[in-house]
Protein backbone atom coordinates (compact mmCIF):
# COMPACT_ATOMS: atom_id res chain seq x y z
CA MET A 1 -6.79 10.44 -11.18
CA THR A 2 -7.83 6.81 -11.39
CA ARG A 3 -7.02 5.10 -8.13
CA MET A 4 -9.40 2.64 -6.48
CA ARG A 5 -8.24 3.13 -2.91
CA GLU A 6 -10.64 0.57 -1.44
CA ALA A 7 -9.95 -2.07 -4.11
CA THR A 8 -7.48 -4.91 -3.66
CA PRO A 9 -4.42 -5.17 -5.91
CA ALA A 10 -6.15 -8.01 -7.77
CA GLU A 11 -9.23 -5.86 -8.39
CA ARG A 12 -7.09 -2.94 -9.56
CA SER A 13 -5.25 -5.24 -11.93
CA GLU A 14 -8.54 -6.52 -13.31
CA PHE A 15 -9.70 -2.92 -13.85
CA GLY A 16 -6.63 -2.32 -16.01
CA ARG A 17 -7.19 -5.46 -18.05
CA ARG A 18 -10.85 -4.57 -18.62
CA ALA A 19 -9.77 -1.21 -20.05
CA ARG A 20 -8.30 -3.17 -22.97
CA THR A 21 -11.85 -4.05 -24.01
CA SER A 22 -12.97 -0.47 -24.50
CA VAL A 23 -9.60 0.78 -25.77
CA PRO A 24 -7.51 -2.10 -27.19
CA ARG A 25 -3.79 -1.53 -26.95
CA SER A 26 -3.37 -1.90 -30.70
CA SER A 27 -5.93 0.88 -31.29
CA HIS A 28 -3.45 3.49 -30.06
CA GLY A 29 -1.53 3.03 -33.30
CA GLU A 30 -4.54 3.77 -35.49
CA TRP A 31 -4.29 7.54 -35.78
CA ALA A 32 -5.60 9.83 -38.50
CA PRO A 33 -6.83 13.45 -38.40
CA HIS A 34 -10.44 13.52 -37.32
CA ALA A 35 -13.26 15.04 -39.34
CA GLY A 36 -13.58 18.74 -38.71
CA ARG A 37 -10.04 19.04 -37.39
CA THR A 38 -9.34 22.63 -36.35
CA ASP A 39 -6.75 24.39 -38.47
CA PRO A 40 -3.52 24.33 -36.41
CA LEU A 41 -2.75 27.91 -37.45
CA GLN A 42 -6.05 28.96 -35.93
CA ILE A 43 -5.13 27.23 -32.64
CA LEU A 44 -1.75 28.96 -32.58
CA ALA A 45 -3.36 32.32 -33.39
CA LEU A 46 -5.78 31.94 -30.48
CA GLN A 47 -2.84 31.36 -28.16
CA GLY A 48 -1.06 34.37 -29.58
CA ALA A 49 -4.03 36.63 -28.91
CA THR A 50 -3.27 36.68 -25.17
CA ARG A 51 0.48 37.16 -25.57
CA ILE A 52 2.76 40.16 -25.95
CA PRO A 53 2.21 41.20 -29.59
CA ASP A 54 5.81 42.18 -30.26
CA LEU A 55 7.07 38.75 -29.21
CA VAL A 56 4.59 36.53 -31.06
CA PRO A 57 6.56 36.75 -34.35
CA ILE A 58 9.61 35.40 -32.50
CA ARG A 59 7.55 32.39 -31.43
CA TYR A 60 6.55 31.69 -35.04
CA GLY A 61 10.12 32.19 -36.18
CA ARG A 62 11.42 29.68 -33.68
CA MET A 63 8.71 27.16 -34.59
CA ALA A 64 9.58 27.52 -38.28
CA ALA A 65 13.19 26.43 -37.70
CA SER A 66 12.39 22.72 -38.16
CA ALA A 67 9.59 20.17 -37.92
CA PHE A 68 10.72 19.33 -34.40
CA ALA A 69 10.81 23.00 -33.39
CA TYR A 70 7.26 23.31 -34.70
CA PHE A 71 6.23 20.25 -32.68
CA ARG A 72 7.70 21.78 -29.52
CA GLY A 73 5.51 24.85 -29.93
CA ALA A 74 2.36 22.98 -30.95
CA ALA A 75 1.31 21.29 -27.71
CA ALA A 76 -2.14 22.85 -28.04
CA VAL A 77 -2.52 21.38 -31.52
CA MET A 78 -1.67 17.89 -30.32
CA ALA A 79 -4.01 18.18 -27.34
CA SER A 80 -6.82 19.00 -29.76
CA ASP A 81 -5.90 15.99 -31.87
CA LEU A 82 -5.71 13.58 -28.93
CA ALA A 83 -9.04 14.82 -27.59
CA ALA A 84 -10.81 13.11 -30.49
CA GLU A 85 -9.51 9.67 -29.49
CA GLU A 86 -10.95 7.12 -27.08
CA ARG A 87 -9.41 7.29 -23.61
CA THR A 88 -8.32 4.46 -21.38
CA GLY A 89 -9.72 6.03 -18.21
CA LEU A 90 -6.37 5.40 -16.54
CA ASP A 91 -5.73 8.96 -15.42
CA VAL A 92 -2.57 10.47 -13.97
CA GLN A 93 -1.16 13.93 -13.42
CA LEU A 94 -0.06 14.72 -16.97
CA CYS A 95 2.99 16.76 -17.83
CA GLY A 96 0.89 17.90 -20.79
CA ASP A 97 3.98 18.59 -22.94
CA ALA A 98 6.16 15.51 -22.45
CA HIS A 99 8.42 15.84 -25.49
CA LEU A 100 12.03 14.69 -25.27
CA SER A 101 13.45 18.19 -24.69
CA ASN A 102 11.30 18.68 -21.60
CA PHE A 103 13.35 16.13 -19.69
CA GLY A 104 16.71 16.91 -18.18
CA GLY A 105 18.88 17.31 -15.14
CA PHE A 106 18.72 19.84 -12.34
CA ALA A 107 19.86 20.20 -8.75
CA SER A 108 17.84 18.64 -5.96
CA PRO A 109 17.55 20.45 -2.61
CA GLU A 110 20.27 18.05 -1.38
CA ARG A 111 22.54 19.32 -4.23
CA ASP A 112 22.49 16.09 -6.18
CA LEU A 113 21.99 16.24 -9.93
CA ILE A 114 18.80 14.36 -10.74
CA PHE A 115 17.08 13.59 -14.03
CA ASP A 116 13.36 14.28 -14.32
CA VAL A 117 10.57 15.93 -16.26
CA ASN A 118 11.29 19.66 -16.11
CA ASP A 119 8.42 21.54 -17.75
CA PHE A 120 4.93 21.71 -16.26
CA ASP A 121 3.21 24.69 -17.87
CA GLU A 122 0.58 22.33 -19.31
CA THR A 123 0.19 19.96 -16.36
CA VAL A 124 -3.37 18.75 -15.70
CA PRO A 125 -4.97 15.38 -14.81
CA GLY A 126 -5.72 13.18 -17.82
CA PRO A 127 -5.16 9.79 -19.51
CA PHE A 128 -1.60 8.52 -19.21
CA GLU A 129 -1.39 7.77 -22.93
CA TRP A 130 -1.49 11.47 -23.85
CA ASP A 131 1.95 12.06 -22.33
CA LEU A 132 3.37 8.84 -23.73
CA LYS A 133 2.12 9.60 -27.24
CA ARG A 134 3.68 13.06 -27.17
CA LEU A 135 6.98 11.57 -26.00
CA ALA A 136 6.91 8.86 -28.69
CA ALA A 137 6.08 11.34 -31.44
CA SER A 138 8.88 13.65 -30.33
CA PHE A 139 11.48 10.91 -30.80
CA GLU A 140 10.10 10.00 -34.22
CA ILE A 141 10.10 13.63 -35.38
CA ALA A 142 13.54 14.42 -33.95
CA THR A 143 15.15 11.32 -35.47
CA ARG A 144 13.55 12.06 -38.85
CA GLY A 145 15.27 15.39 -38.66
CA ARG A 146 18.54 13.53 -38.12
CA GLY A 147 17.95 11.44 -41.25
CA PHE A 148 17.77 8.08 -39.44
CA ASP A 149 16.24 5.22 -41.41
CA ASP A 150 12.84 3.73 -40.57
CA ALA A 151 14.17 0.75 -38.63
CA THR A 152 16.43 2.90 -36.44
CA ARG A 153 13.71 5.45 -35.70
CA HIS A 154 11.13 2.82 -34.86
CA ALA A 155 13.55 0.97 -32.60
CA ILE A 156 14.25 4.15 -30.61
CA VAL A 157 10.53 4.89 -30.18
CA ALA A 158 9.89 1.29 -29.11
CA ARG A 159 12.70 1.46 -26.57
CA GLY A 160 11.14 4.51 -24.95
CA SER A 161 7.68 2.99 -24.80
CA GLY A 162 9.05 -0.37 -23.65
CA SER A 163 10.99 1.30 -20.87
CA TYR A 164 7.82 3.05 -19.70
CA ARG A 165 5.85 -0.20 -19.76
CA GLN A 166 8.50 -2.22 -17.95
CA ALA A 167 9.04 0.49 -15.36
CA MET A 168 5.31 0.68 -14.68
CA ARG A 169 5.25 -3.08 -14.09
CA GLN A 170 8.10 -2.61 -11.63
CA PHE A 171 6.28 0.20 -9.83
CA ALA A 172 3.14 -1.95 -9.66
CA SER A 173 5.03 -4.33 -7.40
CA MET A 174 6.40 -1.62 -5.10
CA ARG A 175 5.05 0.00 -1.97
CA ASP A 176 3.67 3.52 -2.45
CA LEU A 177 6.40 5.10 -0.31
CA ASP A 178 9.10 3.35 -2.32
CA ILE A 179 7.60 4.71 -5.55
CA TRP A 180 7.52 8.18 -4.03
CA TYR A 181 11.19 8.06 -3.07
CA SER A 182 12.33 6.66 -6.44
CA ARG A 183 14.37 9.00 -8.60
CA LEU A 184 17.19 9.03 -11.11
CA ASP A 185 20.51 10.66 -10.29
CA GLY A 186 23.81 10.29 -12.12
CA LYS A 187 24.76 7.19 -10.15
CA ALA A 188 21.41 5.49 -10.77
CA ILE A 189 21.61 6.20 -14.51
CA ALA A 190 25.13 4.74 -14.66
CA LEU A 191 24.05 1.63 -12.75
CA ARG A 192 20.93 1.06 -14.85
CA TRP A 193 22.22 1.93 -18.31
CA GLY A 194 25.99 2.00 -17.99
CA ASP A 195 26.52 -1.47 -19.41
CA GLN A 196 24.74 -0.41 -22.62
CA ALA A 197 26.65 2.81 -23.05
CA SER A 198 29.85 3.15 -25.01
CA ARG A 199 32.87 4.86 -23.52
CA LYS A 200 32.19 7.86 -25.73
CA LEU A 201 28.64 8.18 -24.41
CA THR A 202 29.88 7.92 -20.83
CA GLU A 203 32.46 10.62 -21.47
CA THR A 204 29.82 12.81 -23.12
CA PHE A 205 27.49 12.42 -20.14
CA GLN A 206 30.26 13.31 -17.70
CA LYS A 207 31.13 16.43 -19.68
CA ARG A 208 27.52 17.57 -19.73
CA LEU A 209 27.22 16.74 -16.03
CA THR A 210 30.19 18.99 -15.26
CA LYS A 211 28.74 21.73 -17.47
CA ALA A 212 25.35 21.43 -15.77
CA GLN A 213 26.87 21.84 -12.33
CA SER A 214 28.50 25.07 -13.49
CA LYS A 215 25.19 26.48 -14.78
CA ASP A 216 24.04 27.99 -11.52
CA HIS A 217 23.33 31.36 -9.95
CA LEU A 218 26.99 32.39 -10.25
CA ALA A 219 26.99 31.63 -13.98
CA ALA A 220 23.81 33.71 -14.30
CA LEU A 221 25.54 36.49 -12.38
CA ALA A 222 28.38 36.60 -14.92
CA LYS A 223 26.18 36.31 -18.02
CA LEU A 224 23.07 38.27 -17.17
CA THR A 225 24.20 41.18 -14.99
CA VAL A 226 26.54 44.12 -14.87
CA GLU A 227 27.57 46.25 -11.89
CA VAL A 228 26.48 49.90 -12.11
CA ASP A 229 27.49 52.31 -9.35
CA GLY A 230 28.09 49.39 -7.03
CA LYS A 231 24.68 47.78 -7.72
CA LEU A 232 23.88 44.77 -9.87
CA ARG A 233 21.67 45.38 -12.88
CA PHE A 234 20.46 43.13 -15.67
CA VAL A 235 22.19 43.57 -19.02
CA GLU A 236 20.09 44.75 -21.95
CA ASN A 237 19.82 42.41 -24.94
CA PRO A 238 16.55 43.25 -26.68
CA PRO A 239 14.24 41.61 -27.40
CA LEU A 240 15.50 38.56 -25.48
CA MET A 241 16.40 40.41 -22.27
CA VAL A 242 15.01 43.85 -21.51
CA PRO A 243 15.39 45.47 -18.07
CA ALA A 244 12.10 46.65 -16.62
CA GLU A 245 13.16 50.31 -16.59
CA SER A 246 13.48 50.18 -20.39
CA LEU A 247 9.87 49.02 -20.68
CA PHE A 248 8.29 51.88 -18.75
CA THR A 249 7.19 53.65 -21.92
CA ASP A 250 6.77 50.46 -23.94
CA VAL A 251 4.81 47.39 -22.87
CA TYR A 252 4.72 48.01 -19.14
CA SER A 253 4.47 51.03 -16.86
CA SER A 254 6.31 51.68 -13.62
CA GLN A 255 3.08 50.85 -11.82
CA THR A 256 3.17 47.39 -13.41
CA VAL A 257 6.65 46.83 -12.04
CA GLY A 258 5.46 48.01 -8.64
CA ASN A 259 2.58 45.57 -8.81
CA LEU A 260 4.97 42.77 -9.67
CA TYR A 261 7.20 43.67 -6.76
CA ASP A 262 4.19 43.51 -4.44
CA ALA A 263 3.41 40.09 -5.91
CA LEU A 264 6.94 38.93 -5.11
CA VAL A 265 6.28 39.83 -1.49
CA GLN A 266 3.02 37.87 -1.49
CA TYR A 267 4.64 34.93 -3.28
CA ARG A 268 6.69 34.23 -0.16
CA THR A 269 3.55 32.97 1.60
CA THR A 270 3.35 30.03 -0.84
CA LEU A 271 6.71 28.75 0.41
CA SER A 272 7.29 26.68 3.55
CA GLY A 273 8.32 28.61 6.64
CA ASP A 274 12.02 27.73 6.46
CA ARG A 275 12.23 28.84 2.83
CA GLN A 276 10.44 32.08 3.62
CA ARG A 277 13.14 32.78 6.18
CA LEU A 278 15.83 32.06 3.60
CA LEU A 279 14.22 34.35 1.02
CA GLU A 280 13.97 37.14 3.60
CA LYS A 281 17.77 37.27 3.69
CA TYR A 282 17.76 38.53 0.10
CA GLU A 283 16.95 42.05 -1.07
CA PHE A 284 15.15 42.67 -4.34
CA THR A 285 17.47 44.53 -6.74
CA ASP A 286 16.33 44.42 -10.37
CA LEU A 287 13.79 43.04 -12.82
CA ALA A 288 13.90 42.21 -16.54
CA ARG A 289 11.66 40.65 -19.14
CA LYS A 290 13.16 37.50 -20.68
CA VAL A 291 12.17 35.46 -23.72
CA VAL A 292 12.34 31.72 -23.07
CA GLY A 293 11.70 28.49 -24.94
CA VAL A 294 9.66 27.98 -28.08
CA GLY A 295 6.01 27.43 -27.20
CA SER A 296 6.23 29.87 -24.27
CA VAL A 297 7.47 32.82 -26.31
CA GLY A 298 5.10 35.74 -25.97
CA THR A 299 3.87 34.84 -22.52
CA ARG A 300 4.97 37.25 -19.83
CA CYS A 301 8.19 36.00 -18.32
CA TRP A 302 10.38 37.98 -15.94
CA VAL A 303 13.61 37.36 -14.10
CA ALA A 304 14.00 38.94 -10.69
CA LEU A 305 17.39 39.58 -9.12
CA PHE A 306 17.95 39.50 -5.37
CA VAL A 307 21.19 40.05 -3.48
CA GLY A 308 22.17 38.52 -0.15
CA ARG A 309 25.23 39.44 1.89
CA ASP A 310 26.86 41.24 -1.08
CA ASN A 311 26.99 41.23 -4.88
CA SER A 312 28.68 37.85 -4.90
CA ASP A 313 25.60 36.29 -3.28
CA PRO A 314 22.83 36.57 -5.92
CA LEU A 315 19.50 34.82 -6.22
CA PHE A 316 17.69 34.71 -9.59
CA LEU A 317 14.00 33.88 -9.74
CA GLN A 318 12.09 33.25 -12.93
CA VAL A 319 8.58 34.74 -12.79
CA LYS A 320 6.64 32.99 -15.56
CA GLU A 321 3.05 33.54 -16.67
CA ALA A 322 0.77 30.53 -16.32
CA GLU A 323 -2.25 30.34 -18.58
CA ALA A 324 -4.84 27.56 -18.84
CA ALA A 325 -3.25 24.22 -19.75
CA VAL A 326 -3.71 23.18 -23.38
CA GLY A 327 -5.56 20.05 -22.23
CA GLU A 328 -8.12 21.81 -20.03
CA PRO A 329 -10.66 22.55 -22.81
CA PHE A 330 -10.87 18.79 -23.43
CA LEU A 331 -10.15 17.23 -20.03
CA GLY A 332 -11.92 19.71 -17.78
CA ALA A 333 -10.67 22.60 -15.70
CA SER A 334 -8.04 22.02 -13.05
CA GLU A 335 -9.16 21.88 -9.44
CA TYR A 336 -6.85 24.87 -8.93
CA THR A 337 -8.37 28.08 -10.24
CA HIS A 338 -4.96 29.78 -9.99
CA HIS A 339 -2.90 28.52 -12.93
CA GLY A 340 0.38 29.28 -11.17
CA ARG A 341 -0.68 27.01 -8.36
CA ARG A 342 -1.83 24.40 -10.92
CA VAL A 343 1.71 24.33 -12.34
CA VAL A 344 3.36 24.18 -8.91
CA GLU A 345 1.11 21.47 -7.50
CA GLY A 346 1.49 19.38 -10.65
CA GLN A 347 5.26 19.74 -10.58
CA ARG A 348 5.48 18.76 -6.93
CA LEU A 349 3.34 15.71 -7.63
CA MET A 350 5.32 14.49 -10.64
CA GLN A 351 8.93 15.35 -9.81
CA GLY A 352 11.21 13.37 -7.52
CA ALA A 353 12.42 16.69 -6.07
CA SER A 354 11.43 20.27 -6.79
CA ASP A 355 13.13 23.65 -6.53
CA ILE A 356 13.09 25.07 -3.01
CA PHE A 357 11.77 28.42 -4.26
CA LEU A 358 8.90 26.98 -6.32
CA GLY A 359 5.75 29.01 -5.63
CA TRP A 360 3.04 31.14 -7.23
CA ASP A 361 1.22 34.48 -7.22
CA SER A 362 -0.74 36.91 -9.41
CA PHE A 363 -0.25 40.53 -10.37
CA ARG A 364 -2.02 43.20 -12.37
CA GLY A 365 -0.50 44.61 -15.55
CA ASP A 366 -0.86 48.10 -16.94
CA ASP A 367 -3.66 46.82 -19.16
CA GLY A 368 -5.71 46.18 -16.03
CA VAL A 369 -5.56 42.39 -16.43
CA THR A 370 -4.53 40.29 -13.44
CA ARG A 371 -2.53 37.26 -14.55
CA ASP A 372 -1.26 34.16 -12.78
CA PHE A 373 2.45 33.40 -12.43
CA TYR A 374 4.68 30.76 -10.93
CA LEU A 375 8.21 31.29 -9.66
CA ARG A 376 11.34 29.16 -9.42
CA GLN A 377 15.10 29.61 -9.59
CA LEU A 378 16.29 30.61 -13.06
CA TRP A 379 19.30 28.31 -13.31
CA ASP A 380 20.15 25.53 -10.92
CA TRP A 381 22.45 22.94 -12.49
CA LYS A 382 20.45 22.62 -15.68
CA LEU A 383 21.44 19.67 -17.85
CA SER A 384 19.96 19.06 -21.28
CA VAL A 385 20.74 16.45 -23.92
CA ASP A 386 21.84 17.54 -27.39
CA VAL A 387 19.69 15.29 -29.57
CA ASP A 388 21.31 16.74 -32.70
CA THR A 389 24.64 15.05 -31.96
CA LEU A 390 23.82 11.81 -30.12
CA ALA A 391 24.42 8.57 -32.02
CA PRO A 392 21.42 6.25 -32.55
CA GLU A 393 22.38 3.93 -29.69
CA ALA A 394 22.79 6.85 -27.31
CA LEU A 395 19.40 8.22 -28.36
CA GLY A 396 17.91 4.80 -27.69
CA ILE A 397 19.30 4.87 -24.17
CA TYR A 398 17.99 8.41 -23.73
CA ALA A 399 14.54 7.24 -24.85
CA GLU A 400 14.66 4.53 -22.18
CA VAL A 401 15.67 7.04 -19.51
CA CYS A 402 12.78 9.33 -20.50
CA GLY A 403 10.36 6.40 -20.55
CA TRP A 404 11.37 5.29 -17.05
CA THR A 405 11.17 8.85 -15.76
CA LEU A 406 7.69 9.43 -17.17
CA ALA A 407 6.46 6.12 -15.72
CA ARG A 408 7.73 7.09 -12.27
CA ALA A 409 6.01 10.49 -12.53
CA HIS A 410 2.74 8.84 -13.54
CA ALA A 411 2.98 6.13 -10.88
CA ARG A 412 3.09 8.79 -8.16
CA SER A 413 -0.36 10.12 -9.05
CA GLY A 414 -2.09 7.28 -10.90
CA ASP A 415 -2.63 3.59 -10.28
CA PRO A 416 0.50 1.71 -11.37
CA ILE A 417 -1.16 -1.68 -10.81
CA ALA A 418 -4.02 -0.91 -13.19
CA MET A 419 -1.72 0.73 -15.74
CA ALA A 420 0.73 -2.16 -15.64
CA ALA A 421 -2.10 -4.64 -16.19
CA TYR A 422 -3.34 -2.61 -19.15
CA LEU A 423 0.10 -2.35 -20.73
CA GLY A 424 0.92 -6.03 -20.25
CA ALA A 425 4.16 -7.99 -20.43
CA GLY A 426 4.42 -8.13 -24.22
CA ASP A 427 5.32 -5.46 -26.75
CA ARG A 428 1.87 -4.92 -28.30
CA PHE A 429 1.53 -1.46 -26.80
CA ASP A 430 5.10 -0.56 -27.80
CA ARG A 431 4.36 -1.45 -31.42
CA ALA A 432 1.22 0.68 -31.31
CA MET A 433 3.29 3.64 -30.09
CA VAL A 434 5.65 3.15 -33.04
CA ASP A 435 2.71 3.23 -35.47
CA PHE A 436 1.18 6.25 -33.78
CA ALA A 437 4.45 8.17 -33.71
CA SER A 438 4.99 7.55 -37.41
CA SER A 439 1.46 8.64 -38.38
CA TYR A 440 1.55 11.70 -36.15
CA ALA A 441 4.98 12.71 -37.44
CA ASP A 442 3.49 12.73 -40.95
CA GLN A 443 0.73 15.06 -39.73
CA ASN A 444 3.23 17.24 -37.89
CA GLN A 445 5.23 17.59 -41.11
CA ARG A 446 2.13 18.74 -42.99
CA ASP A 447 1.30 21.23 -40.24
CA PHE A 448 4.88 22.50 -40.21
CA GLU A 449 4.78 23.04 -43.97
CA SER A 450 1.49 24.93 -43.59
CA LEU A 451 3.17 27.28 -41.12
CA THR A 452 6.21 27.88 -43.31
CA ALA A 453 3.94 28.50 -46.31
CA ALA A 454 1.88 30.98 -44.29
CA ILE A 455 5.07 32.77 -43.29
CA ALA A 456 6.27 32.86 -46.91
CA THR A 457 3.02 34.44 -48.12
CA GLY A 458 2.86 36.94 -45.27
CA ARG A 459 -0.24 35.41 -43.68
CA VAL A 460 1.81 34.78 -40.55
CA LYS A 461 4.44 37.27 -39.42
CA ALA A 462 7.61 35.60 -38.17
CA GLU A 463 10.94 36.88 -36.94
CA GLN A 464 13.53 34.19 -37.47
CA GLY A 465 17.01 33.77 -36.06
CA VAL A 466 16.13 35.40 -32.73
């Protein structure tokens, strides 16, 4: 990450302004596919080669649902595209997949609902603009899907970029500890954006807040488990939820499950001492394979059930495979050779607060391959925004919230003074993001149509509606 620790604030600011010479702010809007661009279907196929074969068609089916769904699953494609561009040299800890659906609310350890980036599978150090461009493009693509006119779409993208830029200028004036402690909770969002929000938006937010607080381990208990002979067991809902015992003669063997259980024991050592003690109060009860997300479908993802004092005291941990980040082939390998640890360390660096059971480990499958995983609670007050129903003004506010949140995450690891100087006080960079988002949305549409055509001709096998 770019941070001149021995430089004065004035020297850091000058470094940011000099970066405009090599990479002018307006140049970020000048995007076109580079010569020799790799076929996106080839990139997706390479990812699929390491995944569970039976689940890969579900991934394609989910990506084929819409242009935005395709974009969600094509982080590797965009990383390849961005790699051909000039870089500012203003590096941060990247989310690596900072589209608008990878922001949301969750419970802090203090049991406050906070808003933050919430997906870090692709986290790796890199130029700040990669995250911001993915965020801008996601708003352009999602609002195209809603049928918004050009002016409305561009205004929403500009609001997100402008919020990032203005927030970074604010962070540039703050002490490092104050940046570190900054975060958005429900009260902070209401104070910062409440005067812009209509009564309907406020009511909608409160409803989703209440719903989020009910999406916890007890909700998972009711939805995902059944009691059999006095013991809790995961329900079977193939292919989305398959208890481990049903996979013994399929993808995994009983030895694989035993290996994973041993890994759960070892995982405890990646937690702080107090959290190890808390986890020791719970007894491992059951395991199931679970299909999650869009881009992640086909990776090995498990949910582990633990029980405390009785069946009314459950703990659900998600055990998710971590592969190399999509940016690593272009930005260099992470300093962490364990990809589960890469995810965890990146998340801790970017988030205002992280899950108390966030940790990592590896285990060996029945194919003899040892894979990296990270663990966290499955549900803990998860709040997401329904972009398919929000009015344009509400989406504009949401873009601002995401922009502020991303700036805070970047300011924790990068140099906010240099980045603020590069971005400037005017809207030149914001306008460039609007141009980029529009051009990249056109490319995304072409790539999406290539996928749907490949599915129609049988070149790509997809299972839709799952």
